């Protein structure tokens, strides 16, 4: 993602002599998206505290405003969504822009499938290359008409919403976005709608639906919702994003003088796979003041540095840490021994092919990484060296490479970092605070 002037934003940093501090991280991105969508479908005023004002979440907010949803943010940062139910949404007179956000596009498609009007959703070049048949097929089976490039495989998506019928959908992938899109459509359908996944994915939608008064049923990996339920407005508090916290946890865990304390992080069991992997690698991760806020578990997290060892990340764990694999790959490069990641082919259809990107960019820093069909094989223990690397326009790549730069000899230059604003505005500032010796700063190329 390049700046409008045609220049490219680049981070420059050096190795950190220490990594320590107390901090908070921005609100959870997944929960922030869903608070907007369900608040818009509800009746009454939904109040959201801790909403993440990243580019991805703002894409959802702006799309809902185009559809006629009124939102007001107070000086104290409380976002108020004036919900009037899905029937109040109006046909947009312009194309809806999801930016770089797959969550925005897929979940909004589920909402719009049940509305009796025509709409078109698109996104940036990266999003327009990401697969959409996984939502097009079930929503079409429910009665909506969805058209896209390559027979519905790629955006833009044109949606003619209709009266829907409930469906029992067997998903071939464990994807919270796919599951949520179908459930949002199911809320507007006749009868019940269920989604069965090969293994559990993130359950933020189901937890939040219960808070809005929807009776959600669970049986194994199947989730069922009834159609025609009137959602009731509620109050939500968004915890810090564990995916954002992971960058700092890995940095501290891999540094002999590392110690960080992160306040109020979401520890939903479907999202904490990275914490378990760090513990298996030898890090001591401590949860304190565990609590539940608006149906979501949260805790304060701390980690102390030490010697990490390689581990295995197999397919059944991947859905619980899919977004953390880039920074866990950095941890693997810094650990002793070999780390094997498998069952992660889904990373090939993210903002970029993350498996290829990780293998290519970490190798430039001196890491020994072998790309495999559905994963990576990383042999740790080699000293990293500074180099010019690129995020390839992927926010998680940029931040993971910055963590690697904290351990590399000499200067590391990370090109194309504007993409970080999609999920973690202010990341470089926080990194400079906990790793003061790294001298991270931004230049334009």
Protein backbone atom coordinates (compact mmCIF):
# COMPACT_ATOMS: atom_id res chain seq x y z
CA UNK A 1 0.00 0.00 0.00
CA UNK A 2 1.75 3.14 -1.19
CA UNK A 3 1.15 6.70 -0.12
CA UNK A 4 -0.93 8.91 -2.39
CA UNK A 5 2.16 10.87 -3.43
CA UNK A 6 3.69 7.75 -4.98
CA UNK A 7 6.35 7.49 -2.26
CA UNK A 8 6.73 4.40 -0.10
CA UNK A 9 6.86 4.46 3.69
CA UNK A 10 9.78 2.52 5.16
CA UNK A 11 10.77 1.64 8.72
CA UNK A 12 14.44 1.69 9.69
CA UNK A 13 15.53 0.01 12.95
CA UNK A 14 18.39 -1.73 14.74
CA UNK A 15 18.77 -4.48 17.33
CA UNK A 16 17.33 -3.77 20.78
CA UNK A 17 19.49 -4.18 23.88
CA UNK A 18 16.43 -4.63 26.05
CA UNK A 19 12.71 -5.11 25.63
CA UNK A 20 10.55 -4.21 28.58
CA UNK A 21 7.54 -2.18 29.58
CA UNK A 22 3.88 -2.04 30.50
CA UNK A 23 1.45 -1.29 27.74
CA UNK A 24 -1.97 -1.71 26.22
CA UNK A 25 -2.78 -2.72 22.65
CA UNK A 26 -5.64 -1.50 20.43
CA UNK A 27 -9.07 -3.09 20.56
CA UNK A 28 -9.72 -6.46 18.95
CA UNK A 29 -10.27 -6.11 15.21
CA UNK A 30 -12.61 -9.07 14.84
CA UNK A 31 -14.83 -7.93 17.71
CA UNK A 32 -14.85 -4.32 16.47
CA UNK A 33 -16.11 -5.37 13.01
CA UNK A 34 -18.87 -7.49 14.49
CA UNK A 35 -19.99 -4.84 16.97
CA UNK A 36 -20.76 -2.55 14.03
CA UNK A 37 -22.64 -5.13 11.98
CA UNK A 38 -24.74 -6.51 14.82
CA UNK A 39 -25.33 -3.03 16.24
CA UNK A 40 -26.67 -2.00 12.83
CA UNK A 41 -29.00 -5.04 12.74
CA UNK A 42 -30.27 -4.45 16.28
CA UNK A 43 -33.10 -2.25 17.50
CA UNK A 44 -31.98 0.55 19.79
CA UNK A 45 -28.67 2.22 20.62
CA UNK A 46 -25.65 -0.06 20.96
CA UNK A 47 -22.68 1.44 22.79
CA UNK A 48 -19.19 0.18 21.97
CA UNK A 49 -16.17 1.06 24.10
CA UNK A 50 -12.64 0.28 22.91
CA UNK A 51 -13.57 0.22 19.20
CA UNK A 52 -10.52 -0.17 16.96
CA UNK A 53 -10.24 2.78 14.61
CA UNK A 54 -8.08 0.98 12.06
CA UNK A 55 -8.54 1.25 8.30
CA UNK A 56 -10.15 -2.20 8.15
CA UNK A 57 -12.75 -1.46 10.84
CA UNK A 58 -13.41 2.01 9.46
CA UNK A 59 -14.18 0.37 6.09
CA UNK A 60 -17.04 -1.51 7.78
CA UNK A 61 -18.17 1.64 9.58
CA UNK A 62 -18.22 3.75 6.41
CA UNK A 63 -20.05 1.05 4.41
CA UNK A 64 -22.78 0.88 7.04
CA UNK A 65 -23.09 4.67 7.01
CA UNK A 66 -23.61 4.53 3.23
CA UNK A 67 -26.40 2.00 3.90
CA UNK A 68 -28.06 4.53 6.22
CA UNK A 69 -26.84 3.55 9.69
CA UNK A 70 -26.26 6.53 12.00
CA UNK A 71 -23.26 6.41 14.34
CA UNK A 72 -21.91 8.95 16.81
CA UNK A 73 -18.63 8.86 18.73
CA UNK A 74 -18.34 10.68 22.04
CA UNK A 75 -15.33 12.68 23.20
CA UNK A 76 -14.57 9.80 25.59
CA UNK A 77 -14.33 7.35 22.67
CA UNK A 78 -17.66 5.57 23.10
CA UNK A 79 -19.18 4.70 19.72
CA UNK A 80 -23.00 4.77 19.65
CA UNK A 81 -24.73 2.83 16.86
CA UNK A 82 -28.34 3.90 16.24
CA UNK A 83 -29.78 0.56 15.17
CA UNK A 84 -33.21 0.33 13.56
CA UNK A 85 -33.07 -3.28 12.44
CA UNK A 86 -31.95 -4.68 9.07
CA UNK A 87 -35.15 -3.51 7.36
CA UNK A 88 -33.98 0.08 7.82
CA UNK A 89 -30.93 -0.44 5.60
CA UNK A 90 -31.31 1.28 2.23
CA UNK A 91 -30.02 0.55 -1.24
CA UNK A 92 -26.67 2.33 -1.70
CA UNK A 93 -26.29 4.76 -4.57
CA UNK A 94 -22.58 4.03 -4.84
CA UNK A 95 -20.20 1.07 -4.74
CA UNK A 96 -19.31 -0.04 -1.20
CA UNK A 97 -15.55 -0.08 -0.61
CA UNK A 98 -14.14 -2.72 1.77
CA UNK A 99 -10.58 -1.47 1.30
CA UNK A 100 -8.18 -4.25 2.33
CA UNK A 101 -10.66 -5.93 4.68
CA UNK A 102 -11.82 -9.44 3.88
CA UNK A 103 -13.93 -9.37 7.04
CA UNK A 104 -15.80 -6.30 5.79
CA UNK A 105 -16.50 -7.79 2.38
CA UNK A 106 -17.50 -11.29 3.43
CA UNK A 107 -19.60 -10.39 6.48
CA UNK A 108 -21.28 -7.49 4.70
CA UNK A 109 -22.16 -9.88 1.87
CA UNK A 110 -23.98 -12.04 4.41
CA UNK A 111 -25.91 -9.07 5.74
CA UNK A 112 -26.82 -7.73 2.29
CA UNK A 113 -27.89 -11.13 0.93
CA UNK A 114 -31.11 -10.81 2.93
CA UNK A 115 -31.94 -7.22 1.99
CA UNK A 116 -34.28 -6.71 -1.00
CA UNK A 117 -32.05 -4.38 -3.02
CA UNK A 118 -28.99 -4.31 -5.24
CA UNK A 119 -25.49 -3.53 -4.02
CA UNK A 120 -21.90 -3.87 -5.17
CA UNK A 121 -18.87 -4.37 -2.88
CA UNK A 122 -15.26 -4.06 -3.97
CA UNK A 123 -11.87 -3.53 -2.34
CA UNK A 124 -8.23 -2.78 -3.08
CA UNK A 125 -6.08 -4.81 -5.47
CA UNK A 126 -5.12 -7.27 -2.73
CA UNK A 127 -8.71 -7.92 -1.65
CA UNK A 128 -9.84 -8.29 -5.27
CA UNK A 129 -7.53 -11.32 -5.54
CA UNK A 130 -8.91 -13.16 -2.51
CA UNK A 131 -11.36 -16.10 -2.85
CA UNK A 132 -15.08 -15.37 -2.44
CA UNK A 133 -16.81 -18.54 -3.67
CA UNK A 134 -16.69 -19.80 -0.10
CA UNK A 135 -19.38 -17.20 0.76
CA UNK A 136 -20.96 -16.83 -2.69
CA UNK A 137 -22.00 -20.49 -2.83
CA UNK A 138 -23.84 -20.74 0.52
CA UNK A 139 -25.50 -17.32 0.16
CA UNK A 140 -26.66 -18.25 -3.33
CA UNK A 141 -28.02 -21.54 -2.01
CA UNK A 142 -30.08 -19.52 0.50
CA UNK A 143 -31.75 -17.60 -2.33
CA UNK A 144 -29.65 -14.47 -2.95
CA UNK A 145 -28.02 -13.69 -6.29
CA UNK A 146 -24.29 -12.96 -6.14
CA UNK A 147 -22.07 -12.32 -9.12
CA UNK A 148 -18.35 -11.74 -9.23
CA UNK A 149 -15.33 -12.16 -11.46
CA UNK A 150 -14.39 -15.70 -12.50
CA UNK A 151 -17.89 -17.05 -11.77
CA UNK A 152 -18.03 -15.42 -8.35
CA UNK A 153 -14.51 -16.36 -7.28
CA UNK A 154 -13.20 -12.78 -6.96
CA UNK A 155 -14.54 -9.30 -6.13
CA UNK A 156 -16.15 -7.00 -6.98
CA UNK A 157 -19.29 -8.78 -5.83
CA UNK A 158 -22.69 -7.70 -7.10
CA UNK A 159 -25.48 -8.74 -4.72
CA UNK A 160 -29.21 -8.85 -5.35
CA UNK A 161 -30.68 -9.56 -1.96
CA UNK A 162 -33.86 -11.59 -1.65
CA UNK A 163 -36.04 -13.39 0.85
CA UNK A 164 -33.82 -16.19 2.12
CA UNK A 165 -34.38 -19.75 3.28
CA UNK A 166 -32.39 -21.30 6.08
CA UNK A 167 -29.69 -23.78 5.18
CA UNK A 168 -27.53 -26.47 6.78
CA UNK A 169 -24.11 -25.67 5.31
CA UNK A 170 -21.10 -27.95 5.50
CA UNK A 171 -18.06 -25.70 5.17
CA UNK A 172 -14.88 -27.13 3.65
CA UNK A 173 -12.73 -24.66 5.57
CA UNK A 174 -12.60 -23.57 9.21
CA UNK A 175 -13.22 -19.86 8.63
CA UNK A 176 -14.86 -17.43 11.02
CA UNK A 177 -15.56 -15.08 8.11
CA UNK A 178 -17.42 -17.74 6.14
CA UNK A 179 -19.33 -18.93 9.19
CA UNK A 180 -20.27 -15.39 10.20
CA UNK A 181 -21.45 -14.42 6.72
CA UNK A 182 -23.81 -17.39 6.64
CA UNK A 183 -25.09 -16.73 10.18
CA UNK A 184 -25.77 -13.04 9.41
CA UNK A 185 -27.81 -14.13 6.39
CA UNK A 186 -29.50 -16.82 8.48
CA UNK A 187 -30.77 -14.26 10.96
CA UNK A 188 -32.88 -12.86 8.10
CA UNK A 189 -33.97 -16.23 6.65
CA UNK A 190 -37.02 -18.45 7.06
CA UNK A 191 -36.30 -21.31 9.44
CA UNK A 192 -33.00 -22.24 10.99
CA UNK A 193 -29.52 -21.87 9.55
CA UNK A 194 -26.56 -23.98 10.64
CA UNK A 195 -22.89 -24.07 9.71
CA UNK A 196 -20.67 -27.09 10.29
CA UNK A 197 -16.90 -26.66 10.10
CA UNK A 198 -14.13 -29.27 9.88
CA UNK A 199 -12.71 -27.81 13.11
CA UNK A 200 -13.73 -24.86 15.32
CA UNK A 201 -12.91 -21.35 14.12
CA UNK A 202 -13.14 -18.07 16.04
CA UNK A 203 -16.47 -17.78 17.85
CA UNK A 204 -16.73 -14.00 18.34
CA UNK A 205 -19.92 -13.83 16.25
CA UNK A 206 -21.70 -16.52 18.26
CA UNK A 207 -20.71 -14.95 21.58
CA UNK A 208 -21.82 -11.52 20.47
CA UNK A 209 -25.10 -12.81 19.02
CA UNK A 210 -25.98 -14.19 22.43
CA UNK A 211 -25.38 -10.72 23.90
CA UNK A 212 -27.83 -9.27 21.37
CA UNK A 213 -30.49 -11.77 22.46
CA UNK A 214 -30.13 -14.43 19.77
CA UNK A 215 -30.51 -18.04 20.99
CA UNK A 216 -27.44 -19.72 19.50
CA UNK A 217 -27.11 -23.52 19.58
CA UNK A 218 -23.83 -25.43 19.53
CA UNK A 219 -23.32 -29.10 18.81
CA UNK A 220 -19.76 -30.17 18.11
CA UNK A 221 -18.48 -27.95 15.30
CA UNK A 222 -22.02 -26.99 14.23
CA UNK A 223 -23.55 -23.61 15.08
CA UNK A 224 -27.26 -22.94 14.55
CA UNK A 225 -29.31 -19.72 14.66
CA UNK A 226 -33.04 -19.17 14.10
CA UNK A 227 -34.29 -16.74 11.51
CA UNK A 228 -36.44 -13.73 12.24
CA UNK A 229 -35.05 -12.97 15.71
CA UNK A 230 -35.25 -9.31 16.74
CA UNK A 231 -31.78 -8.27 17.93
CA UNK A 232 -31.76 -6.06 21.03
CA UNK A 233 -29.22 -3.27 21.42
CA UNK A 234 -26.57 -3.79 24.08
CA UNK A 235 -23.35 -2.36 25.52
CA UNK A 236 -19.99 -3.82 24.48
CA UNK A 237 -16.44 -3.42 25.77
CA UNK A 238 -13.79 -4.47 23.25
CA UNK A 239 -10.67 -6.02 24.82
CA UNK A 240 -7.20 -5.59 23.36
CA UNK A 241 -6.41 -7.69 20.30
CA UNK A 242 -4.35 -10.79 21.14
CA UNK A 243 -3.06 -10.76 17.55
CA UNK A 244 -1.61 -7.31 18.19
CA UNK A 245 -0.24 -8.33 21.59
CA UNK A 246 1.54 -11.31 19.99
CA UNK A 247 4.21 -9.11 18.37
CA UNK A 248 5.33 -7.80 21.75
CA UNK A 249 4.98 -11.15 23.50
CA UNK A 250 7.24 -12.80 20.93
CA UNK A 251 9.78 -9.97 21.12
CA UNK A 252 10.01 -10.20 24.90
CA UNK A 253 9.97 -14.02 24.96
CA UNK A 254 12.90 -14.26 22.54
CA UNK A 255 15.06 -11.61 24.23
CA UNK A 256 17.22 -12.61 27.22
CA UNK A 257 16.38 -9.31 28.92
CA UNK A 258 12.77 -9.19 27.75
CA UNK A 259 9.77 -8.59 29.97
CA UNK A 260 6.47 -7.03 28.97
CA UNK A 261 3.12 -6.64 30.71
CA UNK A 262 0.10 -6.05 28.49
CA UNK A 263 -3.17 -4.89 30.01
CA UNK A 264 -6.66 -6.09 29.07
CA UNK A 265 -6.08 -8.56 26.24
CA UNK A 266 -8.81 -10.78 24.82
CA UNK A 267 -8.10 -14.43 25.61
CA UNK A 268 -10.96 -16.10 23.79
CA UNK A 269 -9.99 -19.82 23.64
CA UNK A 270 -10.43 -19.83 19.85
CA UNK A 271 -7.69 -17.17 19.62
CA UNK A 272 -5.04 -18.20 22.16
CA UNK A 273 -3.12 -20.80 20.18
CA UNK A 274 -0.12 -18.46 19.97
CA UNK A 275 0.12 -18.29 23.77
CA UNK A 276 0.18 -22.08 23.94
CA UNK A 277 2.88 -22.28 21.26
CA UNK A 278 5.07 -19.75 23.08
CA UNK A 279 4.71 -21.80 26.27
CA UNK A 280 5.70 -24.97 24.39
CA UNK A 281 8.73 -23.11 23.06
CA UNK A 282 9.80 -22.37 26.63
CA UNK A 283 8.35 -18.92 27.32
CA UNK A 284 6.61 -18.24 30.60
CA UNK A 285 3.30 -16.58 29.75
CA UNK A 286 1.23 -15.53 32.75
CA UNK A 287 -2.45 -14.54 32.76
CA UNK A 288 -3.62 -12.27 35.55
CA UNK A 289 -6.98 -10.76 36.55
CA UNK A 290 -8.94 -13.05 34.23
CA UNK A 291 -12.47 -11.81 33.69
CA UNK A 292 -15.36 -11.79 31.21
CA UNK A 293 -16.55 -8.65 29.47
CA UNK A 294 -19.60 -8.72 27.20
CA UNK A 295 -19.21 -12.48 26.79
CA UNK A 296 -15.52 -12.30 25.89
CA UNK A 297 -12.78 -13.54 28.25
CA UNK A 298 -9.98 -11.04 28.91
CA UNK A 299 -6.85 -10.95 31.05
CA UNK A 300 -3.62 -9.08 31.65
CA UNK A 301 -0.68 -10.90 30.04
CA UNK A 302 2.99 -10.93 30.95
CA UNK A 303 5.99 -12.76 29.50
CA UNK A 304 9.66 -12.94 30.43
CA UNK A 305 12.49 -13.58 28.01
CA UNK A 306 14.63 -16.66 27.87
CA UNK A 307 15.84 -19.38 25.54
CA UNK A 308 13.25 -20.62 23.07
CA UNK A 309 13.21 -24.03 21.42
CA UNK A 310 11.62 -25.24 18.21
CA UNK A 311 8.20 -26.88 18.17
CA UNK A 312 5.50 -28.27 15.89
CA UNK A 313 2.41 -26.32 14.84
CA UNK A 314 -0.03 -28.80 13.29
CA UNK A 315 -3.25 -28.29 11.35
CA UNK A 316 -5.69 -28.61 14.26
CA UNK A 317 -4.06 -25.67 16.02
CA UNK A 318 -3.80 -23.43 12.96
CA UNK A 319 -7.35 -21.91 13.10
CA UNK A 320 -6.56 -20.67 16.64
CA UNK A 321 -3.40 -18.81 15.56
CA UNK A 322 -3.73 -18.23 11.82
CA UNK A 323 -2.94 -14.51 12.12
CA UNK A 324 -0.01 -15.10 14.48
CA UNK A 325 1.91 -17.51 12.25
CA UNK A 326 4.03 -14.68 10.74
CA UNK A 327 5.38 -13.52 14.12
CA UNK A 328 5.61 -17.10 15.44
CA UNK A 329 7.80 -17.81 12.41
CA UNK A 330 10.12 -15.08 13.69
CA UNK A 331 10.14 -16.77 17.11
CA UNK A 332 11.02 -20.03 15.36
CA UNK A 333 13.94 -18.40 13.54
CA UNK A 334 15.28 -17.19 16.90
CA UNK A 335 14.74 -20.51 18.71
CA UNK A 336 17.12 -23.45 18.99
CA UNK A 337 16.16 -26.41 16.85
CA UNK A 338 13.56 -26.90 14.15
CA UNK A 339 9.98 -25.65 13.98
CA UNK A 340 7.54 -27.29 11.56
CA UNK A 341 4.29 -25.55 10.59
CA UNK A 342 1.74 -27.59 8.61
CA UNK A 343 -1.91 -27.37 7.64
CA UNK A 344 -1.58 -23.63 7.00
CA UNK A 345 -2.43 -23.45 3.28
CA UNK A 346 -5.03 -20.77 4.14
CA UNK A 347 -2.09 -18.36 4.50
CA UNK A 348 -1.68 -18.47 0.73
CA UNK A 349 -4.95 -16.57 0.24
CA UNK A 350 -4.46 -13.77 2.77
CA UNK A 351 -3.39 -10.23 1.89
CA UNK A 352 -0.44 -11.91 0.16
CA UNK A 353 0.75 -15.50 -0.04
CA UNK A 354 2.15 -15.36 3.48
CA UNK A 355 3.96 -18.68 3.26
CA UNK A 356 5.92 -17.53 0.23
CA UNK A 357 6.42 -14.05 1.69
CA UNK A 358 7.70 -15.35 5.04
CA UNK A 359 10.12 -17.75 3.40
CA UNK A 360 11.43 -15.05 1.08
CA UNK A 361 11.74 -12.13 3.47
CA UNK A 362 13.01 -14.01 6.55
CA UNK A 363 15.66 -15.64 4.37
CA UNK A 364 16.94 -12.18 3.45
CA UNK A 365 17.60 -11.65 7.17
CA UNK A 366 19.60 -14.88 7.35
CA UNK A 367 16.91 -17.23 8.67
CA UNK A 368 16.80 -20.79 7.35
CA UNK A 369 13.24 -21.20 6.08
CA UNK A 370 11.93 -23.86 3.70
CA UNK A 371 8.55 -23.28 2.08
CA UNK A 372 6.33 -26.33 1.85
CA UNK A 373 2.94 -26.93 0.24
CA UNK A 374 0.90 -26.08 3.34
CA UNK A 375 3.45 -24.68 5.74
CA UNK A 376 7.04 -23.87 6.63
CA UNK A 377 10.07 -25.62 8.03
CA UNK A 378 12.28 -23.25 10.03
CA UNK A 379 15.68 -24.20 11.42
CA UNK A 380 16.49 -21.73 14.18
CA UNK A 381 19.66 -20.78 15.97
CA UNK A 382 21.29 -18.68 13.27
CA UNK A 383 22.13 -15.04 14.02
CA UNK A 384 19.96 -12.69 11.95
CA UNK A 385 21.54 -9.87 9.99
CA UNK A 386 20.00 -6.57 8.96
CA UNK A 387 18.82 -6.25 5.37
CA UNK A 388 16.32 -4.49 3.14
CA UNK A 389 13.05 -6.44 3.27
CA UNK A 390 9.48 -5.76 2.20
CA UNK A 391 6.09 -6.23 3.79
CA UNK A 392 4.74 -6.93 0.29
CA UNK A 393 1.78 -4.77 1.32
CA UNK A 394 0.80 -7.07 4.21
CA UNK A 395 0.37 -5.51 7.66
CA UNK A 396 1.25 -8.64 9.64
CA UNK A 397 4.35 -9.19 7.53
CA UNK A 398 5.50 -5.63 8.23
CA UNK A 399 5.11 -5.94 12.01
CA UNK A 400 6.64 -9.42 12.13
CA UNK A 401 9.69 -8.22 10.19
CA UNK A 402 10.02 -5.34 12.66
CA UNK A 403 10.19 -7.87 15.51
CA UNK A 404 12.86 -9.78 13.57
CA UNK A 405 14.78 -6.52 13.13
CA UNK A 406 15.09 -6.21 16.91
CA UNK A 407 17.40 -9.25 16.82
CA UNK A 408 19.35 -8.55 13.62
CA UNK A 409 22.92 -7.25 13.44
CA UNK A 410 23.12 -3.92 11.66
CA UNK A 411 20.32 -1.95 10.05
CA UNK A 412 16.98 -3.42 8.95
CA UNK A 413 14.85 -1.53 6.43
CA UNK A 414 11.23 -2.64 6.02
CA UNK A 415 9.64 -1.23 2.90
CA UNK A 416 5.92 -0.60 2.36
CA UNK A 417 4.67 -0.17 5.93
CA UNK A 418 1.61 2.02 5.32
CA UNK A 419 -0.43 -1.21 5.37
CA UNK A 420 0.05 -1.45 9.15
CA UNK A 421 -2.66 1.18 9.59
CA UNK A 422 -5.22 -1.41 8.45
CA UNK A 423 -4.96 -3.17 11.82
CA UNK A 424 -2.54 -1.47 14.23
CA UNK A 425 -2.14 2.29 13.92
CA UNK A 426 0.59 3.40 16.31
CA UNK A 427 2.53 0.12 16.24
CA UNK A 428 5.93 1.73 15.62
CA UNK A 429 5.42 4.15 18.50
CA UNK A 430 4.65 1.30 20.92
CA UNK A 431 7.60 -0.73 19.65
CA UNK A 432 9.93 2.23 20.22
CA UNK A 433 8.60 2.53 23.78
CA UNK A 434 9.29 -1.09 24.79
CA UNK A 435 12.49 -1.45 22.73
CA UNK A 436 14.03 2.01 23.15
CA UNK A 437 17.39 1.04 21.72
CA UNK A 438 16.00 -0.03 18.36
CA UNK A 439 15.58 3.53 17.13
CA UNK A 440 12.69 2.62 14.84
CA UNK A 441 11.75 5.54 12.62
CA UNK A 442 10.01 6.09 9.33
CA UNK A 443 11.46 7.41 6.08
CA UNK A 444 10.01 7.71 2.59
CA UNK A 445 11.62 6.07 -0.43
